[in-house]
Amino acid sequence: MPKLIVKQGGQSRDVLLNKDTISIGRTPENDIELKDSLISRKHTSVVRKGDRWVVYDLGSSNGTFVNKERI
């Protein structure tokens, strides 16, 4: 199963991508909650498109980066 590696505060954790859309943001209603003032309430989503995954910025204030590249 594919996974997302979340790095925060000098630590990392693996999150399994076990549904078609994963929401990421600062508030608890997201699938992945990141408690950081630089993260928007609804920051980004990771969406399954066939056999690949696409990352979307949801109009976040500080942008979304994948492998250090802004999307």
PDB file of N, CA and C in Angstrom:
ATOM      1  N   MET A   1       0.850  -1.186   0.000  1.00  0.00           N
ATOM      2  CA  MET A   1       0.000   0.000   0.000  1.00  0.00           C
ATOM      3  C   MET A   1       0.890   1.241   0.000  1.00  0.00           C
ATOM      4  N   PRO A   2       0.552   2.237  -0.816  1.00  0.00           N
ATOM      5  CA  PRO A   2       1.350   3.465  -0.842  1.00  0.00           C
ATOM      6  C   PRO A   2       1.265   4.219   0.477  1.00  0.00           C
ATOM      7  N   LYS A   3       2.300   5.000   0.737  1.00  0.00           N
ATOM      8  CA  LYS A   3       2.324   5.767   1.985  1.00  0.00           C
ATOM      9  C   LYS A   3       2.882   7.155   1.732  1.00  0.00           C
ATOM     10  N   LEU A   4       2.559   8.031   2.651  1.00  0.00           N
ATOM     11  CA  LEU A   4       3.072   9.394   2.656  1.00  0.00           C
ATOM     12  C   LEU A   4       3.971   9.510   3.876  1.00  0.00           C
ATOM     13  N   ILE A   5       5.164  10.049   3.700  1.00  0.00           N
ATOM     14  CA  ILE A   5       6.069  10.257   4.826  1.00  0.00           C
ATOM     15  C   ILE A   5       5.908  11.703   5.272  1.00  0.00           C
ATOM     16  N   VAL A   6       5.409  11.880   6.486  1.00  0.00           N
ATOM     17  CA  VAL A   6       5.161  13.209   7.042  1.00  0.00           C
ATOM     18  C   VAL A   6       6.326  13.557   7.957  1.00  0.00           C
ATOM     19  N   LYS A   7       7.028  14.646   7.647  1.00  0.00           N
ATOM     20  CA  LYS A   7       8.150  15.109   8.466  1.00  0.00           C
ATOM     21  C   LYS A   7       7.741  16.394   9.147  1.00  0.00           C
ATOM     22  N   GLN A   8       7.856  16.400  10.473  1.00  0.00           N
ATOM     23  CA  GLN A   8       7.472  17.581  11.244  1.00  0.00           C
ATOM     24  C   GLN A   8       8.217  17.570  12.568  1.00  0.00           C
ATOM     25  N   GLY A   9       8.780  18.724  12.920  1.00  0.00           N
ATOM     26  CA  GLY A   9       9.458  18.857  14.206  1.00  0.00           C
ATOM     27  C   GLY A   9      10.620  17.909  14.388  1.00  0.00           C
ATOM     28  N   GLY A  10      11.351  17.622  13.322  1.00  0.00           N
ATOM     29  CA  GLY A  10      12.504  16.740  13.428  1.00  0.00           C
ATOM     30  C   GLY A  10      12.148  15.266  13.487  1.00  0.00           C
ATOM     31  N   GLN A  11      10.875  14.937  13.374  1.00  0.00           N
ATOM     32  CA  GLN A  11      10.434  13.547  13.396  1.00  0.00           C
ATOM     33  C   GLN A  11       9.697  13.244  12.106  1.00  0.00           C
ATOM     34  N   SER A  12       9.596  11.972  11.790  1.00  0.00           N
ATOM     35  CA  SER A  12       8.822  11.577  10.618  1.00  0.00           C
ATOM     36  C   SER A  12       7.916  10.417  10.987  1.00  0.00           C
ATOM     37  N   ARG A  13       6.819  10.311  10.234  1.00  0.00           N
ATOM     38  CA  ARG A  13       5.887   9.204  10.430  1.00  0.00           C
ATOM     39  C   ARG A  13       5.319   8.815   9.076  1.00  0.00           C
ATOM     40  N   ASP A  14       4.999   7.551   8.941  1.00  0.00           N
ATOM     41  CA  ASP A  14       4.402   7.040   7.716  1.00  0.00           C
ATOM     42  C   ASP A  14       2.889   7.056   7.856  1.00  0.00           C
ATOM     43  N   VAL A  15       2.207   7.537   6.824  1.00  0.00           N
ATOM     44  CA  VAL A  15       0.749   7.531   6.786  1.00  0.00           C
ATOM     45  C   VAL A  15       0.341   6.737   5.553  1.00  0.00           C
ATOM     46  N   LEU A  16      -0.385   5.641   5.767  1.00  0.00           N
ATOM     47  CA  LEU A  16      -0.844   4.831   4.649  1.00  0.00           C
ATOM     48  C   LEU A  16      -1.914   5.578   3.871  1.00  0.00           C
ATOM     49  N   LEU A  17      -1.830   5.528   2.554  1.00  0.00           N
ATOM     50  CA  LEU A  17      -2.840   6.147   1.701  1.00  0.00           C
ATOM     51  C   LEU A  17      -3.912   5.091   1.444  1.00  0.00           C
ATOM     52  N   ASN A  18      -4.854   5.000   2.382  1.00  0.00           N
ATOM     53  CA  ASN A  18      -5.832   3.919   2.382  1.00  0.00           C
ATOM     54  C   ASN A  18      -7.220   4.343   1.913  1.00  0.00           C
ATOM     55  N   LYS A  19      -7.335   5.534   1.313  1.00  0.00           N
ATOM     56  CA  LYS A  19      -8.578   5.969   0.689  1.00  0.00           C
ATOM     57  C   LYS A  19      -8.242   6.850  -0.497  1.00  0.00           C
ATOM     58  N   ASP A  20      -9.221   7.156  -1.328  1.00  0.00           N
ATOM     59  CA  ASP A  20      -8.948   7.838  -2.597  1.00  0.00           C
ATOM     60  C   ASP A  20      -8.556   9.302  -2.456  1.00  0.00           C
ATOM     61  N   THR A  21      -8.992   9.955  -1.392  1.00  0.00           N
ATOM     62  CA  THR A  21      -8.627  11.354  -1.152  1.00  0.00           C
ATOM     63  C   THR A  21      -8.200  11.516   0.297  1.00  0.00           C
ATOM     64  N   ILE A  22      -7.028  12.077   0.507  1.00  0.00           N
ATOM     65  CA  ILE A  22      -6.491  12.338   1.842  1.00  0.00           C
ATOM     66  C   ILE A  22      -6.381  13.852   1.997  1.00  0.00           C
ATOM     67  N   SER A  23      -7.022  14.389   3.030  1.00  0.00           N
ATOM     68  CA  SER A  23      -6.939  15.833   3.288  1.00  0.00           C
ATOM     69  C   SER A  23      -5.875  16.107   4.343  1.00  0.00           C
ATOM     70  N   ILE A  24      -5.169  17.219   4.154  1.00  0.00           N
ATOM     71  CA  ILE A  24      -4.092  17.602   5.062  1.00  0.00           C
ATOM     72  C   ILE A  24      -4.293  19.059   5.444  1.00  0.00           C
ATOM     73  N   GLY A  25      -4.219  19.338   6.742  1.00  0.00           N
ATOM     74  CA  GLY A  25      -4.372  20.706   7.215  1.00  0.00           C
ATOM     75  C   GLY A  25      -4.174  20.807   8.707  1.00  0.00           C
ATOM     76  N   ARG A  26      -4.459  21.992   9.230  1.00  0.00           N
ATOM     77  CA  ARG A  26      -4.187  22.297  10.634  1.00  0.00           C
ATOM     78  C   ARG A  26      -5.307  21.858  11.580  1.00  0.00           C
ATOM     79  N   THR A  27      -6.502  21.590  11.077  1.00  0.00           N
ATOM     80  CA  THR A  27      -7.635  21.296  11.955  1.00  0.00           C
ATOM     81  C   THR A  27      -7.930  19.795  12.014  1.00  0.00           C
ATOM     82  N   PRO A  28      -8.594  19.363  13.088  1.00  0.00           N
ATOM     83  CA  PRO A  28      -8.824  17.934  13.307  1.00  0.00           C
ATOM     84  C   PRO A  28      -9.693  17.239  12.261  1.00  0.00           C
ATOM     85  N   GLU A  29     -10.503  17.974  11.480  1.00  0.00           N
ATOM     86  CA  GLU A  29     -11.345  17.293  10.494  1.00  0.00           C
ATOM     87  C   GLU A  29     -10.558  16.775   9.291  1.00  0.00           C
ATOM     88  N   ASN A  30      -9.281  17.120   9.198  1.00  0.00           N
ATOM     89  CA  ASN A  30      -8.431  16.592   8.132  1.00  0.00           C
ATOM     90  C   ASN A  30      -8.002  15.166   8.449  1.00  0.00           C
ATOM     91  N   ASP A  31      -7.712  14.404   7.405  1.00  0.00           N
ATOM     92  CA  ASP A  31      -7.194  13.047   7.606  1.00  0.00           C
ATOM     93  C   ASP A  31      -5.818  13.090   8.264  1.00  0.00           C
ATOM     94  N   ILE A  32      -5.015  14.074   7.872  1.00  0.00           N
ATOM     95  CA  ILE A  32      -3.706  14.285   8.490  1.00  0.00           C
ATOM     96  C   ILE A  32      -3.703  15.695   9.060  1.00  0.00           C
ATOM     97  N   GLU A  33      -3.631  15.780  10.382  1.00  0.00           N
ATOM     98  CA  GLU A  33      -3.617  17.082  11.060  1.00  0.00           C
ATOM     99  C   GLU A  33      -2.177  17.462  11.379  1.00  0.00           C
ATOM    100  N   LEU A  34      -1.774  18.652  10.925  1.00  0.00           N
ATOM    101  CA  LEU A  34      -0.436  19.167  11.206  1.00  0.00           C
ATOM    102  C   LEU A  34      -0.579  20.427  12.047  1.00  0.00           C
ATOM    103  N   LYS A  35      -0.174  20.346  13.293  1.00  0.00           N
ATOM    104  CA  LYS A  35      -0.309  21.480  14.208  1.00  0.00           C
ATOM    105  C   LYS A  35       0.880  22.415  14.027  1.00  0.00           C
ATOM    106  N   ASP A  36       0.714  23.341  13.096  1.00  0.00           N
ATOM    107  CA  ASP A  36       1.783  24.274  12.753  1.00  0.00           C
ATOM    108  C   ASP A  36       1.125  25.532  12.208  1.00  0.00           C
ATOM    109  N   SER A  37       1.543  26.691  12.699  1.00  0.00           N
ATOM    110  CA  SER A  37       0.921  27.948  12.277  1.00  0.00           C
ATOM    111  C   SER A  37       1.165  28.257  10.795  1.00  0.00           C
ATOM    112  N   LEU A  38       2.140  27.606  10.168  1.00  0.00           N
ATOM    113  CA  LEU A  38       2.398  27.815   8.742  1.00  0.00           C
ATOM    114  C   LEU A  38       1.477  26.989   7.844  1.00  0.00           C
ATOM    115  N   ILE A  39       0.731  26.078   8.454  1.00  0.00           N
ATOM    116  CA  ILE A  39      -0.189  25.215   7.713  1.00  0.00           C
ATOM    117  C   ILE A  39      -1.585  25.816   7.762  1.00  0.00           C
ATOM    118  N   SER A  40      -2.245  25.882   6.618  1.00  0.00           N
ATOM    119  CA  SER A  40      -3.617  26.398   6.562  1.00  0.00           C
ATOM    120  C   SER A  40      -4.596  25.358   7.110  1.00  0.00           C
ATOM    121  N   ARG A  41      -5.794  25.823   7.476  1.00  0.00           N
ATOM    122  CA  ARG A  41      -6.813  24.909   8.007  1.00  0.00           C
ATOM    123  C   ARG A  41      -7.070  23.765   7.037  1.00  0.00           C
ATOM    124  N   LYS A  42      -7.264  24.082   5.798  1.00  0.00           N
ATOM    125  CA  LYS A  42      -7.393  23.088   4.722  1.00  0.00           C
ATOM    126  C   LYS A  42      -6.277  23.403   3.737  1.00  0.00           C
ATOM    127  N   HIS A  43      -5.181  22.704   3.855  1.00  0.00           N
ATOM    128  CA  HIS A  43      -3.949  23.077   3.157  1.00  0.00           C
ATOM    129  C   HIS A  43      -3.796  22.385   1.798  1.00  0.00           C
ATOM    130  N   THR A  44      -3.889  21.067   1.796  1.00  0.00           N
ATOM    131  CA  THR A  44      -3.629  20.300   0.575  1.00  0.00           C
ATOM    132  C   THR A  44      -4.419  19.004   0.587  1.00  0.00           C
ATOM    133  N   SER A  45      -4.518  18.379  -0.566  1.00  0.00           N
ATOM    134  CA  SER A  45      -5.124  17.055  -0.640  1.00  0.00           C
ATOM    135  C   SER A  45      -4.276  16.182  -1.552  1.00  0.00           C
ATOM    136  N   VAL A  46      -4.317  14.895  -1.276  1.00  0.00           N
ATOM    137  CA  VAL A  46      -3.630  13.896  -2.082  1.00  0.00           C
ATOM    138  C   VAL A  46      -4.729  12.993  -2.635  1.00  0.00           C
ATOM    139  N   VAL A  47      -4.811  12.906  -3.962  1.00  0.00           N
ATOM    140  CA  VAL A  47      -5.939  12.239  -4.610  1.00  0.00           C
ATOM    141  C   VAL A  47      -5.436  11.128  -5.532  1.00  0.00           C
ATOM    142  N   ARG A  48      -6.075   9.953  -5.409  1.00  0.00           N
ATOM    143  CA  ARG A  48      -5.741   8.837  -6.301  1.00  0.00           C
ATOM    144  C   ARG A  48      -6.380   9.093  -7.664  1.00  0.00           C
ATOM    145  N   LYS A  49      -5.568   8.998  -8.703  1.00  0.00           N
ATOM    146  CA  LYS A  49      -6.026   9.127 -10.091  1.00  0.00           C
ATOM    147  C   LYS A  49      -5.555   7.874 -10.830  1.00  0.00           C
ATOM    148  N   GLY A  50      -6.390   6.857 -10.844  1.00  0.00           N
ATOM    149  CA  GLY A  50      -5.995   5.584 -11.447  1.00  0.00           C
ATOM    150  C   GLY A  50      -4.909   4.931 -10.622  1.00  0.00           C
ATOM    151  N   ASP A  51      -3.743   4.741 -11.235  1.00  0.00           N
ATOM    152  CA  ASP A  51      -2.642   4.088 -10.515  1.00  0.00           C
ATOM    153  C   ASP A  51      -1.595   5.075 -10.013  1.00  0.00           C
ATOM    154  N   ARG A  52      -1.934   6.356  -9.985  1.00  0.00           N
ATOM    155  CA  ARG A  52      -0.987   7.358  -9.467  1.00  0.00           C
ATOM    156  C   ARG A  52      -1.687   8.267  -8.468  1.00  0.00           C
ATOM    157  N   TRP A  53      -0.899   9.107  -7.802  1.00  0.00           N
ATOM    158  CA  TRP A  53      -1.415  10.038  -6.796  1.00  0.00           C
ATOM    159  C   TRP A  53      -1.059  11.457  -7.213  1.00  0.00           C
ATOM    160  N   VAL A  54      -2.003  12.373  -7.032  1.00  0.00           N
ATOM    161  CA  VAL A  54      -1.806  13.770  -7.402  1.00  0.00           C
ATOM    162  C   VAL A  54      -1.986  14.629  -6.156  1.00  0.00           C
ATOM    163  N   VAL A  55      -1.084  15.589  -5.958  1.00  0.00           N
ATOM    164  CA  VAL A  55      -1.146  16.496  -4.810  1.00  0.00           C
ATOM    165  C   VAL A  55      -1.693  17.834  -5.285  1.00  0.00           C
ATOM    166  N   TYR A  56      -2.702  18.343  -4.565  1.00  0.00           N
ATOM    167  CA  TYR A  56      -3.318  19.626  -4.890  1.00  0.00           C
ATOM    168  C   TYR A  56      -3.162  20.590  -3.723  1.00  0.00           C
ATOM    169  N   ASP A  57      -2.739  21.802  -4.010  1.00  0.00           N
ATOM    170  CA  ASP A  57      -2.759  22.865  -3.013  1.00  0.00           C
ATOM    171  C   ASP A  57      -4.183  23.414  -2.976  1.00  0.00           C
ATOM    172  N   LEU A  58      -4.721  23.628  -1.798  1.00  0.00           N
ATOM    173  CA  LEU A  58      -6.102  24.092  -1.647  1.00  0.00           C
ATOM    174  C   LEU A  58      -6.167  25.584  -1.360  1.00  0.00           C
ATOM    175  N   GLY A  59      -5.297  26.350  -2.017  1.00  0.00           N
ATOM    176  CA  GLY A  59      -5.271  27.791  -1.798  1.00  0.00           C
ATOM    177  C   GLY A  59      -4.613  28.173  -0.492  1.00  0.00           C
ATOM    178  N   SER A  60      -3.659  27.373  -0.057  1.00  0.00           N
ATOM    179  CA  SER A  60      -2.983  27.629   1.213  1.00  0.00           C
ATOM    180  C   SER A  60      -2.196  28.936   1.159  1.00  0.00           C
ATOM    181  N   SER A  61      -2.006  29.532   2.316  1.00  0.00           N
ATOM    182  CA  SER A  61      -1.271  30.802   2.402  1.00  0.00           C
ATOM    183  C   SER A  61       0.210  30.653   2.069  1.00  0.00           C
ATOM    184  N   ASN A  62       0.814  29.534   2.453  1.00  0.00           N
ATOM    185  CA  ASN A  62       2.259  29.361   2.318  1.00  0.00           C
ATOM    186  C   ASN A  62       2.669  28.361   1.247  1.00  0.00           C
ATOM    187  N   GLY A  63       1.722  27.833   0.516  1.00  0.00           N
ATOM    188  CA  GLY A  63       2.035  26.911  -0.569  1.00  0.00           C
ATOM    189  C   GLY A  63       2.245  25.481  -0.103  1.00  0.00           C
ATOM    190  N   THR A  64       2.283  24.599  -1.083  1.00  0.00           N
ATOM    191  CA  THR A  64       2.494  23.177  -0.856  1.00  0.00           C
ATOM    192  C   THR A  64       3.736  22.758  -1.624  1.00  0.00           C
ATOM    193  N   PHE A  65       4.582  21.951  -0.987  1.00  0.00           N
ATOM    194  CA  PHE A  65       5.841  21.519  -1.572  1.00  0.00           C
ATOM    195  C   PHE A  65       5.901  19.999  -1.604  1.00  0.00           C
ATOM    196  N   VAL A  66       6.399  19.467  -2.702  1.00  0.00           N
ATOM    197  CA  VAL A  66       6.642  18.036  -2.837  1.00  0.00           C
ATOM    198  C   VAL A  66       8.113  17.877  -3.179  1.00  0.00           C
ATOM    199  N   ASN A  67       8.834  17.158  -2.331  1.00  0.00           N
ATOM    200  CA  ASN A  67      10.284  16.995  -2.512  1.00  0.00           C
ATOM    201  C   ASN A  67      10.974  18.346  -2.703  1.00  0.00           C
ATOM    202  N   LYS A  68      10.598  19.297  -1.866  1.00  0.00           N
ATOM    203  CA  LYS A  68      11.166  20.648  -1.806  1.00  0.00           C
ATOM    204  C   LYS A  68      10.814  21.525  -3.012  1.00  0.00           C
ATOM    205  N   GLU A  69       9.900  21.077  -3.858  1.00  0.00           N
ATOM    206  CA  GLU A  69       9.476  21.857  -5.023  1.00  0.00           C
ATOM    207  C   GLU A  69       8.038  22.318  -4.831  1.00  0.00           C
ATOM    208  N   ARG A  70       7.810  23.623  -4.986  1.00  0.00           N
ATOM    209  CA  ARG A  70       6.466  24.176  -4.810  1.00  0.00           C
ATOM    210  C   ARG A  70       5.571  23.740  -5.967  1.00  0.00           C
ATOM    211  N   ILE A  71       4.368  23.325  -5.630  1.00  0.00           N
ATOM    212  CA  ILE A  71       3.431  22.920  -6.687  1.00  0.00           C
ATOM    213  C   ILE A  71       2.386  23.994  -6.911  1.00  0.00           C
TER     214      ILE A  71
END
